PDB file of all heavy atoms in Angstrom:
ATOM      1  N   LEU A   1       2.107  13.883  20.998  1.00  0.00           N
ATOM      2  CA  LEU A   1       3.384  14.377  20.483  1.00  0.00           C
ATOM      3  C   LEU A   1       4.486  13.384  20.881  1.00  0.00           C
ATOM      4  O   LEU A   1       4.643  13.074  22.114  1.00  0.00           O
ATOM      5  CB  LEU A   1       3.677  15.799  20.918  1.00  0.00           C
ATOM      6  CG  LEU A   1       5.058  16.309  20.558  1.00  0.00           C
ATOM      7  CD1 LEU A   1       5.124  16.514  19.074  1.00  0.00           C
ATOM      8  CD2 LEU A   1       5.291  17.665  21.218  1.00  0.00           C
ATOM      9  N   VAL A   2       5.283  13.004  19.938  1.00  0.00           N
ATOM     10  CA  VAL A   2       6.356  12.050  20.156  1.00  0.00           C
ATOM     11  C   VAL A   2       7.555  12.422  19.329  1.00  0.00           C
ATOM     12  O   VAL A   2       7.385  12.940  18.218  1.00  0.00           O
ATOM     13  CB  VAL A   2       5.944  10.588  19.927  1.00  0.00           C
ATOM     14  CG1 VAL A   2       5.592  10.333  18.455  1.00  0.00           C
ATOM     15  CG2 VAL A   2       6.982   9.618  20.388  1.00  0.00           C
ATOM     16  N   GLN A   3       8.775  12.205  19.751  1.00  0.00           N
ATOM     17  CA  GLN A   3       9.926  12.470  19.003  1.00  0.00           C
ATOM     18  C   GLN A   3      10.170  11.326  17.958  1.00  0.00           C
ATOM     19  O   GLN A   3       9.700  10.263  18.096  1.00  0.00           O
ATOM     20  CB  GLN A   3      11.152  12.556  19.885  1.00  0.00           C
ATOM     21  CG  GLN A   3      11.061  13.728  20.915  1.00  0.00           C
ATOM     22  CD  GLN A   3      12.330  13.832  21.766  1.00  0.00           C
ATOM     23  OE1 GLN A   3      13.477  13.446  21.279  1.00  0.00           O
ATOM     24  NE2 GLN A   3      12.195  14.235  22.960  1.00  0.00           N
ATOM     25  N   THR A   4      10.879  11.749  16.900  1.00  0.00           N
ATOM     26  CA  THR A   4      11.286  10.768  15.887  1.00  0.00           C
ATOM     27  C   THR A   4      11.984   9.531  16.566  1.00  0.00           C
ATOM     28  O   THR A   4      12.857   9.761  17.379  1.00  0.00           O
ATOM     29  CB  THR A   4      12.197  11.380  14.889  1.00  0.00           C
ATOM     30  OG1 THR A   4      11.442  12.419  14.172  1.00  0.00           O
ATOM     31  CG2 THR A   4      12.681  10.350  13.856  1.00  0.00           C
ATOM     32  N   GLY A   5      11.546   8.390  16.186  1.00  0.00           N
ATOM     33  CA  GLY A   5      12.103   7.158  16.749  1.00  0.00           C
ATOM     34  C   GLY A   5      11.328   6.673  17.974  1.00  0.00           C
ATOM     35  O   GLY A   5      11.615   5.516  18.439  1.00  0.00           O
ATOM     36  N   GLY A   6      10.391   7.426  18.452  1.00  0.00           N
ATOM     37  CA  GLY A   6       9.626   7.059  19.644  1.00  0.00           C
ATOM     38  C   GLY A   6       8.433   6.130  19.265  1.00  0.00           C
ATOM     39  O   GLY A   6       8.374   5.763  18.124  1.00  0.00           O
ATOM     40  N   SER A   7       7.725   5.844  20.314  1.00  0.00           N
ATOM     41  CA  SER A   7       6.556   4.871  20.147  1.00  0.00           C
ATOM     42  C   SER A   7       5.290   5.487  20.758  1.00  0.00           C
ATOM     43  O   SER A   7       5.386   6.260  21.681  1.00  0.00           O
ATOM     44  CB  SER A   7       6.878   3.594  20.841  1.00  0.00           C
ATOM     45  OG  SER A   7       8.040   2.946  20.305  1.00  0.00           O
ATOM     46  N   LEU A   8       4.238   5.036  20.171  1.00  0.00           N
ATOM     47  CA  LEU A   8       2.869   5.286  20.741  1.00  0.00           C
ATOM     48  C   LEU A   8       2.028   4.108  20.544  1.00  0.00           C
ATOM     49  O   LEU A   8       2.229   3.332  19.574  1.00  0.00           O
ATOM     50  CB  LEU A   8       2.233   6.495  20.097  1.00  0.00           C
ATOM     51  CG  LEU A   8       2.699   7.925  20.354  1.00  0.00           C
ATOM     52  CD1 LEU A   8       2.033   8.940  19.423  1.00  0.00           C
ATOM     53  CD2 LEU A   8       2.452   8.278  21.820  1.00  0.00           C
ATOM     54  N   ARG A   9       1.046   3.935  21.428  1.00  0.00           N
ATOM     55  CA  ARG A   9       0.069   2.898  21.200  1.00  0.00           C
ATOM     56  C   ARG A   9      -1.311   3.502  21.105  1.00  0.00           C
ATOM     57  O   ARG A   9      -1.711   4.105  22.171  1.00  0.00           O
ATOM     58  CB  ARG A   9       0.090   1.806  22.336  1.00  0.00           C
ATOM     59  CG  ARG A   9      -0.828   0.613  21.993  1.00  0.00           C
ATOM     60  CD  ARG A   9      -0.755  -0.480  23.045  1.00  0.00           C
ATOM     61  NE  ARG A   9      -1.473  -0.123  24.187  1.00  0.00           N
ATOM     62  CZ  ARG A   9      -1.888  -0.978  25.192  1.00  0.00           C
ATOM     63  NH1 ARG A   9      -1.637  -2.316  25.004  1.00  0.00           N
ATOM     64  NH2 ARG A   9      -2.508  -0.577  26.244  1.00  0.00           N
ATOM     65  N   LEU A  10      -1.982   3.379  20.053  1.00  0.00           N
ATOM     66  CA  LEU A  10      -3.328   3.887  19.909  1.00  0.00           C
ATOM     67  C   LEU A  10      -4.341   2.796  20.237  1.00  0.00           C
ATOM     68  O   LEU A  10      -4.098   1.601  20.005  1.00  0.00           O
ATOM     69  CB  LEU A  10      -3.530   4.309  18.468  1.00  0.00           C
ATOM     70  CG  LEU A  10      -2.584   5.292  17.791  1.00  0.00           C
ATOM     71  CD1 LEU A  10      -3.048   5.737  16.425  1.00  0.00           C
ATOM     72  CD2 LEU A  10      -2.427   6.587  18.687  1.00  0.00           C
ATOM     73  N   SER A  11      -5.411   3.255  20.802  1.00  0.00           N
ATOM     74  CA  SER A  11      -6.485   2.319  21.172  1.00  0.00           C
ATOM     75  C   SER A  11      -7.773   2.695  20.522  1.00  0.00           C
ATOM     76  O   SER A  11      -8.078   3.941  20.288  1.00  0.00           O
ATOM     77  CB  SER A  11      -6.695   2.308  22.730  1.00  0.00           C
ATOM     78  OG  SER A  11      -5.545   1.834  23.340  1.00  0.00           O
ATOM     79  N   CYS A  12      -8.568   1.810  20.136  1.00  0.00           N
ATOM     80  CA  CYS A  12      -9.923   2.002  19.531  1.00  0.00           C
ATOM     81  C   CYS A  12     -10.839   1.141  20.379  1.00  0.00           C
ATOM     82  O   CYS A  12     -10.856  -0.045  20.346  1.00  0.00           O
ATOM     83  CB  CYS A  12      -9.930   1.627  18.104  1.00  0.00           C
ATOM     84  SG  CYS A  12     -11.521   1.738  17.371  1.00  0.00           S
ATOM     85  N   VAL A  13     -11.717   1.832  21.116  1.00  0.00           N
ATOM     86  CA  VAL A  13     -12.750   1.130  21.996  1.00  0.00           C
ATOM     87  C   VAL A  13     -14.070   1.271  21.300  1.00  0.00           C
ATOM     88  O   VAL A  13     -14.530   2.367  20.939  1.00  0.00           O
ATOM     89  CB  VAL A  13     -12.738   1.772  23.369  1.00  0.00           C
ATOM     90  CG1 VAL A  13     -13.797   1.040  24.236  1.00  0.00           C
ATOM     91  CG2 VAL A  13     -11.340   1.672  24.047  1.00  0.00           C
ATOM     92  N   ALA A  14     -14.747   0.113  21.215  1.00  0.00           N
ATOM     93  CA  ALA A  14     -16.084   0.089  20.551  1.00  0.00           C
ATOM     94  C   ALA A  14     -17.152  -0.238  21.568  1.00  0.00           C
ATOM     95  O   ALA A  14     -16.998  -0.871  22.585  1.00  0.00           O
ATOM     96  CB  ALA A  14     -16.043  -1.031  19.502  1.00  0.00           C
ATOM     97  N   SER A  15     -18.340   0.385  21.273  1.00  0.00           N
ATOM     98  CA  SER A  15     -19.501   0.156  22.042  1.00  0.00           C
ATOM     99  C   SER A  15     -20.686  -0.110  21.023  1.00  0.00           C
ATOM    100  O   SER A  15     -20.669   0.451  19.979  1.00  0.00           O
ATOM    101  CB  SER A  15     -19.867   1.317  22.944  1.00  0.00           C
ATOM    102  OG  SER A  15     -20.063   2.507  22.245  1.00  0.00           O
ATOM    103  N   GLY A  16     -21.616  -0.995  21.483  1.00  0.00           N
ATOM    104  CA  GLY A  16     -22.678  -1.262  20.600  1.00  0.00           C
ATOM    105  C   GLY A  16     -22.302  -2.414  19.593  1.00  0.00           C
ATOM    106  O   GLY A  16     -21.099  -2.547  19.314  1.00  0.00           O
ATOM    107  N   GLY A  17     -23.222  -3.203  19.112  1.00  0.00           N
ATOM    108  CA  GLY A  17     -22.987  -4.243  18.230  1.00  0.00           C
ATOM    109  C   GLY A  17     -22.165  -5.382  18.918  1.00  0.00           C
ATOM    110  O   GLY A  17     -21.974  -5.412  20.127  1.00  0.00           O
ATOM    111  N   THR A  18     -21.772  -6.341  18.100  1.00  0.00           N
ATOM    112  CA  THR A  18     -20.948  -7.436  18.571  1.00  0.00           C
ATOM    113  C   THR A  18     -19.576  -7.236  17.952  1.00  0.00           C
ATOM    114  O   THR A  18     -19.284  -7.592  16.843  1.00  0.00           O
ATOM    115  CB  THR A  18     -21.540  -8.834  18.128  1.00  0.00           C
ATOM    116  OG1 THR A  18     -22.925  -8.879  18.624  1.00  0.00           O
ATOM    117  CG2 THR A  18     -20.709  -9.946  18.700  1.00  0.00           C
ATOM    118  N   PHE A  19     -18.756  -6.617  18.742  1.00  0.00           N
ATOM    119  CA  PHE A  19     -17.473  -6.117  18.225  1.00  0.00           C
ATOM    120  C   PHE A  19     -16.613  -7.263  17.677  1.00  0.00           C
ATOM    121  O   PHE A  19     -15.812  -7.105  16.757  1.00  0.00           O
ATOM    122  CB  PHE A  19     -16.740  -5.342  19.298  1.00  0.00           C
ATOM    123  CG  PHE A  19     -15.450  -4.684  18.788  1.00  0.00           C
ATOM    124  CD1 PHE A  19     -15.488  -3.705  17.910  1.00  0.00           C
ATOM    125  CD2 PHE A  19     -14.295  -5.127  19.326  1.00  0.00           C
ATOM    126  CE1 PHE A  19     -14.336  -3.098  17.438  1.00  0.00           C
ATOM    127  CE2 PHE A  19     -13.075  -4.528  18.888  1.00  0.00           C
ATOM    128  CZ  PHE A  19     -13.097  -3.513  17.904  1.00  0.00           C
ATOM    129  N   SER A  20     -16.662  -8.384  18.339  1.00  0.00           N
ATOM    130  CA  SER A  20     -15.856  -9.543  17.962  1.00  0.00           C
ATOM    131  C   SER A  20     -16.116 -10.017  16.553  1.00  0.00           C
ATOM    132  O   SER A  20     -15.249 -10.689  15.972  1.00  0.00           O
ATOM    133  CB  SER A  20     -15.981 -10.672  18.927  1.00  0.00           C
ATOM    134  OG  SER A  20     -17.293 -11.185  18.922  1.00  0.00           O
ATOM    135  N   ARG A  21     -17.184  -9.626  15.983  1.00  0.00           N
ATOM    136  CA  ARG A  21     -17.560 -10.050  14.618  1.00  0.00           C
ATOM    137  C   ARG A  21     -17.303  -8.999  13.594  1.00  0.00           C
ATOM    138  O   ARG A  21     -17.760  -9.080  12.411  1.00  0.00           O
ATOM    139  CB  ARG A  21     -18.991 -10.479  14.540  1.00  0.00           C
ATOM    140  CG  ARG A  21     -19.303 -11.662  15.525  1.00  0.00           C
ATOM    141  CD  ARG A  21     -20.762 -12.116  15.442  1.00  0.00           C
ATOM    142  NE  ARG A  21     -21.056 -12.779  14.145  1.00  0.00           N
ATOM    143  CZ  ARG A  21     -22.198 -13.235  13.836  1.00  0.00           C
ATOM    144  NH1 ARG A  21     -23.218 -13.170  14.704  1.00  0.00           N
ATOM    145  NH2 ARG A  21     -22.399 -13.822  12.707  1.00  0.00           N
ATOM    146  N   TYR A  22     -16.595  -7.984  14.012  1.00  0.00           N
ATOM    147  CA  TYR A  22     -16.233  -6.837  13.035  1.00  0.00           C
ATOM    148  C   TYR A  22     -14.741  -6.928  12.686  1.00  0.00           C
ATOM    149  O   TYR A  22     -13.931  -7.000  13.636  1.00  0.00           O
ATOM    150  CB  TYR A  22     -16.563  -5.525  13.632  1.00  0.00           C
ATOM    151  CG  TYR A  22     -18.069  -5.171  13.589  1.00  0.00           C
ATOM    152  CD1 TYR A  22     -18.870  -5.697  14.496  1.00  0.00           C
ATOM    153  CD2 TYR A  22     -18.498  -4.255  12.626  1.00  0.00           C
ATOM    154  CE1 TYR A  22     -20.244  -5.377  14.459  1.00  0.00           C
ATOM    155  CE2 TYR A  22     -19.851  -3.944  12.546  1.00  0.00           C
ATOM    156  CZ  TYR A  22     -20.727  -4.493  13.472  1.00  0.00           C
ATOM    157  OH  TYR A  22     -22.058  -4.201  13.475  1.00  0.00           O
ATOM    158  N   GLY A  23     -14.479  -6.749  11.450  1.00  0.00           N
ATOM    159  CA  GLY A  23     -13.106  -6.472  11.056  1.00  0.00           C
ATOM    160  C   GLY A  23     -12.835  -4.994  11.298  1.00  0.00           C
ATOM    161  O   GLY A  23     -13.768  -4.160  11.209  1.00  0.00           O
ATOM    162  N   VAL A  24     -11.600  -4.677  11.661  1.00  0.00           N
ATOM    163  CA  VAL A  24     -11.215  -3.333  12.069  1.00  0.00           C
ATOM    164  C   VAL A  24     -10.031  -2.869  11.252  1.00  0.00           C
ATOM    165  O   VAL A  24      -9.064  -3.625  11.089  1.00  0.00           O
ATOM    166  CB  VAL A  24     -11.001  -3.172  13.573  1.00  0.00           C
ATOM    167  CG1 VAL A  24     -10.518  -1.839  13.912  1.00  0.00           C
ATOM    168  CG2 VAL A  24     -12.234  -3.565  14.299  1.00  0.00           C
ATOM    169  N   GLY A  25     -10.091  -1.633  10.801  1.00  0.00           N
ATOM    170  CA  GLY A  25      -8.922  -1.041  10.149  1.00  0.00           C
ATOM    171  C   GLY A  25      -8.542   0.273  10.743  1.00  0.00           C
ATOM    172  O   GLY A  25      -9.321   0.943  11.421  1.00  0.00           O
ATOM    173  N   TRP A  26      -7.264   0.570  10.571  1.00  0.00           N
ATOM    174  CA  TRP A  26      -6.760   1.900  10.958  1.00  0.00           C
ATOM    175  C   TRP A  26      -6.372   2.678   9.662  1.00  0.00           C
ATOM    176  O   TRP A  26      -5.729   2.143   8.835  1.00  0.00           O
ATOM    177  CB  TRP A  26      -5.468   1.779  11.866  1.00  0.00           C
ATOM    178  CG  TRP A  26      -5.766   1.435  13.292  1.00  0.00           C
ATOM    179  CD1 TRP A  26      -5.722   0.189  13.833  1.00  0.00           C
ATOM    180  CD2 TRP A  26      -6.106   2.308  14.333  1.00  0.00           C
ATOM    181  NE1 TRP A  26      -5.989   0.224  15.161  1.00  0.00           N
ATOM    182  CE2 TRP A  26      -6.257   1.547  15.471  1.00  0.00           C
ATOM    183  CE3 TRP A  26      -6.241   3.702  14.348  1.00  0.00           C
ATOM    184  CZ2 TRP A  26      -6.609   2.102  16.698  1.00  0.00           C
ATOM    185  CZ3 TRP A  26      -6.616   4.279  15.639  1.00  0.00           C
ATOM    186  CH2 TRP A  26      -6.746   3.545  16.754  1.00  0.00           C
ATOM    187  N   PHE A  27      -6.782   3.964   9.619  1.00  0.00           N
ATOM    188  CA  PHE A  27      -6.492   4.756   8.519  1.00  0.00           C
ATOM    189  C   PHE A  27      -5.884   6.064   9.103  1.00  0.00           C
ATOM    190  O   PHE A  27      -6.072   6.374  10.279  1.00  0.00           O
ATOM    191  CB  PHE A  27      -7.785   5.081   7.715  1.00  0.00           C
ATOM    192  CG  PHE A  27      -8.315   3.941   7.002  1.00  0.00           C
ATOM    193  CD1 PHE A  27      -9.142   3.031   7.728  1.00  0.00           C
ATOM    194  CD2 PHE A  27      -8.097   3.652   5.727  1.00  0.00           C
ATOM    195  CE1 PHE A  27      -9.656   1.871   7.093  1.00  0.00           C
ATOM    196  CE2 PHE A  27      -8.616   2.574   5.047  1.00  0.00           C
ATOM    197  CZ  PHE A  27      -9.444   1.664   5.769  1.00  0.00           C
ATOM    198  N   ARG A  28      -5.225   6.836   8.236  1.00  0.00           N
ATOM    199  CA  ARG A  28      -4.716   8.150   8.727  1.00  0.00           C
ATOM    200  C   ARG A  28      -4.764   9.136   7.635  1.00  0.00           C
ATOM    201  O   ARG A  28      -4.765   8.867   6.473  1.00  0.00           O
ATOM    202  CB  ARG A  28      -3.196   7.896   9.181  1.00  0.00           C
ATOM    203  CG  ARG A  28      -2.207   7.557   8.117  1.00  0.00           C
ATOM    204  CD  ARG A  28      -0.842   7.258   8.652  1.00  0.00           C
ATOM    205  NE  ARG A  28       0.113   6.998   7.684  1.00  0.00           N
ATOM    206  CZ  ARG A  28       1.341   6.585   7.882  1.00  0.00           C
ATOM    207  NH1 ARG A  28       1.786   6.486   9.180  1.00  0.00           N
ATOM    208  NH2 ARG A  28       2.200   6.377   6.881  1.00  0.00           N
ATOM    209  N   GLN A  29      -4.836  10.404   8.109  1.00  0.00           N
ATOM    210  CA  GLN A  29      -4.883  11.492   7.181  1.00  0.00           C
ATOM    211  C   GLN A  29      -3.883  12.511   7.505  1.00  0.00           C
ATOM    212  O   GLN A  29      -4.024  13.293   8.521  1.00  0.00           O
ATOM    213  CB  GLN A  29      -6.298  12.166   7.189  1.00  0.00           C
ATOM    214  CG  GLN A  29      -6.455  13.227   6.140  1.00  0.00           C
ATOM    215  CD  GLN A  29      -7.941  13.629   5.897  1.00  0.00           C
ATOM    216  OE1 GLN A  29      -8.741  13.409   6.797  1.00  0.00           O
ATOM    217  NE2 GLN A  29      -8.196  14.173   4.751  1.00  0.00           N
ATOM    218  N   PRO A  30      -2.726  12.569   6.838  1.00  0.00           N
ATOM    219  CA  PRO A  30      -1.777  13.654   7.083  1.00  0.00           C
ATOM    220  C   PRO A  30      -2.286  14.993   6.725  1.00  0.00           C
ATOM    221  O   PRO A  30      -3.191  15.112   5.953  1.00  0.00           O
ATOM    222  CB  PRO A  30      -0.581  13.215   6.094  1.00  0.00           C
ATOM    223  CG  PRO A  30      -0.872  11.779   5.765  1.00  0.00           C
ATOM    224  CD  PRO A  30      -2.303  11.628   5.759  1.00  0.00           C
ATOM    225  N   PRO A  31      -1.676  16.031   7.287  1.00  0.00           N
ATOM    226  CA  PRO A  31      -2.156  17.409   6.936  1.00  0.00           C
ATOM    227  C   PRO A  31      -2.152  17.716   5.464  1.00  0.00           C
ATOM    228  O   PRO A  31      -1.115  17.444   4.808  1.00  0.00           O
ATOM    229  CB  PRO A  31      -1.169  18.331   7.708  1.00  0.00           C
ATOM    230  CG  PRO A  31      -0.640  17.399   8.819  1.00  0.00           C
ATOM    231  CD  PRO A  31      -0.603  16.048   8.275  1.00  0.00           C
ATOM    232  N   GLY A  32      -3.207  18.135   4.939  1.00  0.00           N
ATOM    233  CA  GLY A  32      -3.326  18.485   3.528  1.00  0.00           C
ATOM    234  C   GLY A  32      -3.251  17.360   2.534  1.00  0.00           C
ATOM    235  O   GLY A  32      -3.215  17.575   1.334  1.00  0.00           O
ATOM    236  N   LYS A  33      -3.398  16.093   3.030  1.00  0.00           N
ATOM    237  CA  LYS A  33      -3.384  14.939   2.185  1.00  0.00           C
ATOM    238  C   LYS A  33      -4.625  14.058   2.316  1.00  0.00           C
ATOM    239  O   LYS A  33      -5.472  14.261   3.203  1.00  0.00           O
ATOM    240  CB  LYS A  33      -2.184  14.140   2.414  1.00  0.00           C
ATOM    241  CG  LYS A  33      -0.852  14.828   2.226  1.00  0.00           C
ATOM    242  CD  LYS A  33       0.374  13.957   2.524  1.00  0.00           C
ATOM    243  CE  LYS A  33       1.643  14.671   2.241  1.00  0.00           C
ATOM    244  NZ  LYS A  33       2.844  13.783   2.464  1.00  0.00           N
ATOM    245  N   GLU A  34      -4.749  13.123   1.462  1.00  0.00           N
ATOM    246  CA  GLU A  34      -5.904  12.242   1.457  1.00  0.00           C
ATOM    247  C   GLU A  34      -5.775  11.210   2.600  1.00  0.00           C
ATOM    248  O   GLU A  34      -4.659  10.798   2.987  1.00  0.00           O
ATOM    249  CB  GLU A  34      -6.070  11.484   0.113  1.00  0.00           C
ATOM    250  CG  GLU A  34      -6.300  12.414  -1.060  1.00  0.00           C
ATOM    251  CD  GLU A  34      -7.684  13.094  -1.027  1.00  0.00           C
ATOM    252  OE1 GLU A  34      -8.644  12.469  -0.412  1.00  0.00           O
ATOM    253  OE2 GLU A  34      -7.826  14.180  -1.576  1.00  0.00           O
ATOM    254  N   ARG A  35      -6.840  10.686   3.077  1.00  0.00           N
ATOM    255  CA  ARG A  35      -6.830   9.622   4.059  1.00  0.00           C
ATOM    256  C   ARG A  35      -6.334   8.341   3.362  1.00  0.00           C
ATOM    257  O   ARG A  35      -6.717   8.044   2.227  1.00  0.00           O
ATOM    258  CB  ARG A  35      -8.253   9.420   4.661  1.00  0.00           C
ATOM    259  CG  ARG A  35      -8.242   8.451   5.796  1.00  0.00           C
ATOM    260  CD  ARG A  35      -9.480   8.679   6.698  1.00  0.00           C
ATOM    261  NE  ARG A  35     -10.719   8.600   5.937  1.00  0.00           N
ATOM    262  CZ  ARG A  35     -11.859   8.984   6.406  1.00  0.00           C
ATOM    263  NH1 ARG A  35     -12.016   9.434   7.618  1.00  0.00           N
ATOM    264  NH2 ARG A  35     -12.961   8.812   5.680  1.00  0.00           N
ATOM    265  N   GLU A  36      -5.505   7.601   4.124  1.00  0.00           N
ATOM    266  CA  GLU A  36      -4.854   6.475   3.567  1.00  0.00           C
ATOM    267  C   GLU A  36      -4.945   5.279   4.551  1.00  0.00           C
ATOM    268  O   GLU A  36      -5.030   5.422   5.741  1.00  0.00           O
ATOM    269  CB  GLU A  36      -3.434   6.732   3.211  1.00  0.00           C
ATOM    270  CG  GLU A  36      -2.562   7.043   4.423  1.00  0.00           C
ATOM    271  CD  GLU A  36      -1.142   7.482   4.063  1.00  0.00           C
ATOM    272  OE1 GLU A  36      -0.893   7.702   2.849  1.00  0.00           O
ATOM    273  OE2 GLU A  36      -0.299   7.468   4.985  1.00  0.00           O
ATOM    274  N   PHE A  37      -4.863   4.061   3.993  1.00  0.00           N
ATOM    275  CA  PHE A  37      -4.882   2.940   4.781  1.00  0.00           C
ATOM    276  C   PHE A  37      -3.611   2.667   5.508  1.00  0.00           C
ATOM    277  O   PHE A  37      -2.531   2.972   5.027  1.00  0.00           O
ATOM    278  CB  PHE A  37      -5.124   1.708   3.824  1.00  0.00           C
ATOM    279  CG  PHE A  37      -4.968   0.328   4.510  1.00  0.00           C
ATOM    280  CD1 PHE A  37      -5.909  -0.140   5.457  1.00  0.00           C
ATOM    281  CD2 PHE A  37      -3.855  -0.394   4.317  1.00  0.00           C
ATOM    282  CE1 PHE A  37      -5.751  -1.368   6.043  1.00  0.00           C
ATOM    283  CE2 PHE A  37      -3.668  -1.627   4.878  1.00  0.00           C
ATOM    284  CZ  PHE A  37      -4.625  -2.098   5.782  1.00  0.00           C
ATOM    285  N   VAL A  38      -3.741   2.145   6.781  1.00  0.00           N
ATOM    286  CA  VAL A  38      -2.525   1.868   7.566  1.00  0.00           C
ATOM    287  C   VAL A  38      -2.384   0.379   7.921  1.00  0.00           C
ATOM    288  O   VAL A  38      -1.461  -0.308   7.651  1.00  0.00           O
ATOM    289  CB  VAL A  38      -2.560   2.722   8.895  1.00  0.00           C
ATOM    290  CG1 VAL A  38      -1.343   2.301   9.773  1.00  0.00           C
ATOM    291  CG2 VAL A  38      -2.568   4.210   8.598  1.00  0.00           C
ATOM    292  N   ALA A  39      -3.484  -0.157   8.503  1.00  0.00           N
ATOM    293  CA  ALA A  39      -3.461  -1.576   8.975  1.00  0.00           C
ATOM    294  C   ALA A  39      -4.903  -2.027   9.210  1.00  0.00           C
ATOM    295  O   ALA A  39      -5.785  -1.291   9.407  1.00  0.00           O
ATOM    296  CB  ALA A  39      -2.635  -1.671  10.309  1.00  0.00           C
ATOM    297  N   ALA A  40      -5.068  -3.334   9.185  1.00  0.00           N
ATOM    298  CA  ALA A  40      -6.382  -3.906   9.385  1.00  0.00           C
ATOM    299  C   ALA A  40      -6.195  -5.245   9.978  1.00  0.00           C
ATOM    300  O   ALA A  40      -5.177  -5.945   9.891  1.00  0.00           O
ATOM    301  CB  ALA A  40      -7.107  -4.063   7.982  1.00  0.00           C
ATOM    302  N   ILE A  41      -7.310  -5.704  10.667  1.00  0.00           N
ATOM    303  CA  ILE A  41      -7.325  -7.027  11.336  1.00  0.00           C
ATOM    304  C   ILE A  41      -8.712  -7.643  11.228  1.00  0.00           C
ATOM    305  O   ILE A  41      -9.704  -6.934  11.395  1.00  0.00           O
ATOM    306  CB  ILE A  41      -6.820  -6.830  12.844  1.00  0.00           C
ATOM    307  CG1 ILE A  41      -6.674  -8.257  13.518  1.00  0.00           C
ATOM    308  CG2 ILE A  41      -7.797  -5.945  13.584  1.00  0.00           C
ATOM    309  CD1 ILE A  41      -5.868  -8.168  14.833  1.00  0.00           C
ATOM    310  N   ALA A  42      -8.715  -8.919  10.959  1.00  0.00           N
ATOM    311  CA  ALA A  42     -10.015  -9.629  10.913  1.00  0.00           C
ATOM    312  C   ALA A  42     -10.557  -9.847  12.285  1.00  0.00           C
ATOM    313  O   ALA A  42      -9.905  -9.699  13.322  1.00  0.00           O
ATOM    314  CB  ALA A  42      -9.804 -10.984  10.235  1.00  0.00           C
ATOM    315  N   TRP A  43     -11.881 -10.154  12.339  1.00  0.00           N
ATOM    316  CA  TRP A  43     -12.488 -10.273  13.691  1.00  0.00           C
ATOM    317  C   TRP A  43     -11.890 -11.399  14.573  1.00  0.00           C
ATOM    318  O   TRP A  43     -11.946 -11.294  15.789  1.00  0.00           O
ATOM    319  CB  TRP A  43     -13.995 -10.312  13.553  1.00  0.00           C
ATOM    320  CG  TRP A  43     -14.637 -11.619  13.103  1.00  0.00           C
ATOM    321  CD1 TRP A  43     -14.267 -12.868  13.292  1.00  0.00           C
ATOM    322  CD2 TRP A  43     -15.833 -11.778  12.292  1.00  0.00           C
ATOM    323  NE1 TRP A  43     -15.083 -13.814  12.745  1.00  0.00           N
ATOM    324  CE2 TRP A  43     -16.149 -13.048  12.084  1.00  0.00           C
ATOM    325  CE3 TRP A  43     -16.735 -10.766  11.749  1.00  0.00           C
ATOM    326  CZ2 TRP A  43     -17.205 -13.527  11.391  1.00  0.00           C
ATOM    327  CZ3 TRP A  43     -17.799 -11.241  11.051  1.00  0.00           C
ATOM    328  CH2 TRP A  43     -18.032 -12.634  10.870  1.00  0.00           C
TER     329      TRP A  43
END
């Protein structure tokens, strides 16, 4: 929970595979809505 104007840092930790060779994306799903793209990064 954060107030409007505040900041958060999300982390995604991977195990298994060779993570450095995977592209990674962030998606989000607001309440009652479809999941949507947020950001992505190449390996």
